[in-house]
């Protein structure tokens, strides 16, 4: 049985197979496995397809930072600039595996919808 849209995304965020929820998406920190060890799903059949979702999940947090700067939250001095840079960089780096898992789950859901159902 195919998972719902939200179930697949939740599984991707937890770095698990979006189809079965059992297999690990990554070996190590962000090195993607080729396929699920449980259901044999190929995680990235067309590697380039996932890039769009990775770009989207990277740009949304950066968009909030740009909006904050636009609405007047500006750093003052080198300490403020360093703090702002760290406030942007640390969460982006720390959440990278989860965002990449979400991107892979989005790719799975969209490609499944384009095929019209479930097929490996």
Protein backbone atom coordinates (compact mmCIF):
# COMPACT_ATOMS: atom_id res chain seq x y z
CA UNK A 1 0.00 0.00 0.00
CA UNK A 2 1.30 3.46 -0.90
CA UNK A 3 1.84 5.94 1.93
CA UNK A 4 -0.06 9.21 2.02
CA UNK A 5 1.65 12.42 0.98
CA UNK A 6 2.21 13.52 4.60
CA UNK A 7 3.41 10.08 5.72
CA UNK A 8 6.01 10.00 2.94
CA UNK A 9 7.23 13.50 3.87
CA UNK A 10 7.41 12.61 7.57
CA UNK A 11 9.45 9.51 6.70
CA UNK A 12 11.79 11.58 4.54
CA UNK A 13 12.32 14.09 7.35
CA UNK A 14 13.23 11.21 9.66
CA UNK A 15 15.71 10.00 7.00
CA UNK A 16 13.80 6.79 6.29
CA UNK A 17 12.46 5.27 3.07
CA UNK A 18 9.44 7.33 1.98
CA UNK A 19 7.61 4.21 0.77
CA UNK A 20 8.03 1.71 3.63
CA UNK A 21 9.51 3.83 6.44
CA UNK A 22 12.03 1.10 7.32
CA UNK A 23 15.15 1.49 5.17
CA UNK A 24 17.68 4.22 5.85
CA UNK A 25 18.05 6.95 3.21
CA UNK A 26 21.68 7.66 4.07
CA UNK A 27 24.84 5.84 4.97
CA UNK A 28 26.68 8.33 7.11
CA UNK A 29 25.61 11.94 7.31
CA UNK A 30 24.37 12.80 3.79
CA UNK A 31 25.68 10.07 1.49
CA UNK A 32 22.51 8.62 0.00
CA UNK A 33 22.01 4.88 -0.27
CA UNK A 34 21.11 3.66 -3.74
CA UNK A 35 17.99 1.73 -2.67
CA UNK A 36 15.94 0.70 0.33
CA UNK A 37 17.16 -2.44 2.08
CA UNK A 38 13.57 -3.33 3.02
CA UNK A 39 11.33 -2.63 -0.02
CA UNK A 40 14.05 -2.22 -2.73
CA UNK A 41 12.85 1.28 -3.74
CA UNK A 42 15.49 3.11 -5.82
CA UNK A 43 15.79 6.41 -3.95
CA UNK A 44 17.05 8.57 -6.80
CA UNK A 45 16.31 6.91 -10.16
CA UNK A 46 17.11 10.20 -11.91
CA UNK A 47 19.60 12.02 -9.70
CA UNK A 48 18.96 15.42 -11.28
CA UNK A 49 15.27 15.34 -10.35
CA UNK A 50 16.06 15.71 -6.65
CA UNK A 51 18.07 18.91 -7.10
CA UNK A 52 14.96 21.06 -7.53
CA UNK A 53 13.62 19.90 -4.17
CA UNK A 54 17.01 20.37 -2.50
CA UNK A 55 17.18 23.93 -3.83
CA UNK A 56 13.65 24.63 -2.57
CA UNK A 57 14.36 23.30 0.92
CA UNK A 58 17.56 25.40 1.04
CA UNK A 59 16.01 28.61 -0.22
CA UNK A 60 13.00 28.74 2.10
CA UNK A 61 15.11 29.28 5.26
CA UNK A 62 17.29 31.78 3.38
CA UNK A 63 14.13 33.60 2.30
CA UNK A 64 13.20 34.13 5.95
CA UNK A 65 16.67 35.59 6.59
CA UNK A 66 16.34 37.94 3.64
CA UNK A 67 12.90 39.01 4.86
CA UNK A 68 14.32 39.68 8.34
CA UNK A 69 17.01 41.91 6.83
CA UNK A 70 14.43 43.66 4.66
CA UNK A 71 12.20 44.41 7.64
CA UNK A 72 15.00 45.99 9.64
CA UNK A 73 16.73 43.26 11.62
CA UNK A 74 20.28 44.29 10.82
CA UNK A 75 23.55 43.36 12.47
CA UNK A 76 25.55 46.12 14.13
CA UNK A 77 29.31 45.71 14.12
CA UNK A 78 31.45 42.64 13.54
CA UNK A 79 30.01 40.73 16.51
CA UNK A 80 26.47 41.25 15.25
CA UNK A 81 27.49 40.21 11.74
CA UNK A 82 29.20 37.09 13.06
CA UNK A 83 26.15 36.23 15.15
CA UNK A 84 23.83 36.69 12.15
CA UNK A 85 26.06 34.50 9.98
CA UNK A 86 26.13 31.78 12.65
CA UNK A 87 22.39 32.09 13.20
CA UNK A 88 21.90 31.36 9.48
CA UNK A 89 24.66 28.80 8.89
CA UNK A 90 24.36 26.54 11.93
CA UNK A 91 20.68 25.59 11.45
CA UNK A 92 21.19 25.12 7.70
CA UNK A 93 24.11 22.78 8.27
CA UNK A 94 22.52 20.96 11.22
CA UNK A 95 19.29 20.23 9.33
CA UNK A 96 20.93 19.29 6.02
CA UNK A 97 20.28 15.51 6.27
CA UNK A 98 16.64 16.10 7.21
CA UNK A 99 16.11 18.59 4.40
CA UNK A 100 17.79 16.25 1.91
CA UNK A 101 15.58 13.41 3.16
CA UNK A 102 12.56 15.67 2.67
CA UNK A 103 13.75 16.46 -0.86
CA UNK A 104 14.07 12.74 -1.65
CA UNK A 105 10.58 12.11 -0.24
CA UNK A 106 9.15 14.95 -2.35
CA UNK A 107 10.82 13.46 -5.41
CA UNK A 108 9.28 10.06 -4.57
CA UNK A 109 5.77 11.53 -4.10
CA UNK A 110 5.89 13.64 -7.27
CA UNK A 111 7.33 10.87 -9.45
CA UNK A 112 4.73 8.44 -8.08
CA UNK A 113 1.95 10.91 -8.90
CA UNK A 114 3.33 11.45 -12.41
CA UNK A 115 3.41 7.68 -13.03
CA UNK A 116 -0.15 7.43 -11.82
CA UNK A 117 0.44 5.07 -8.93
CA UNK A 118 3.00 2.75 -7.47
CA UNK A 119 5.62 0.89 -9.45
CA UNK A 120 9.00 0.22 -7.82
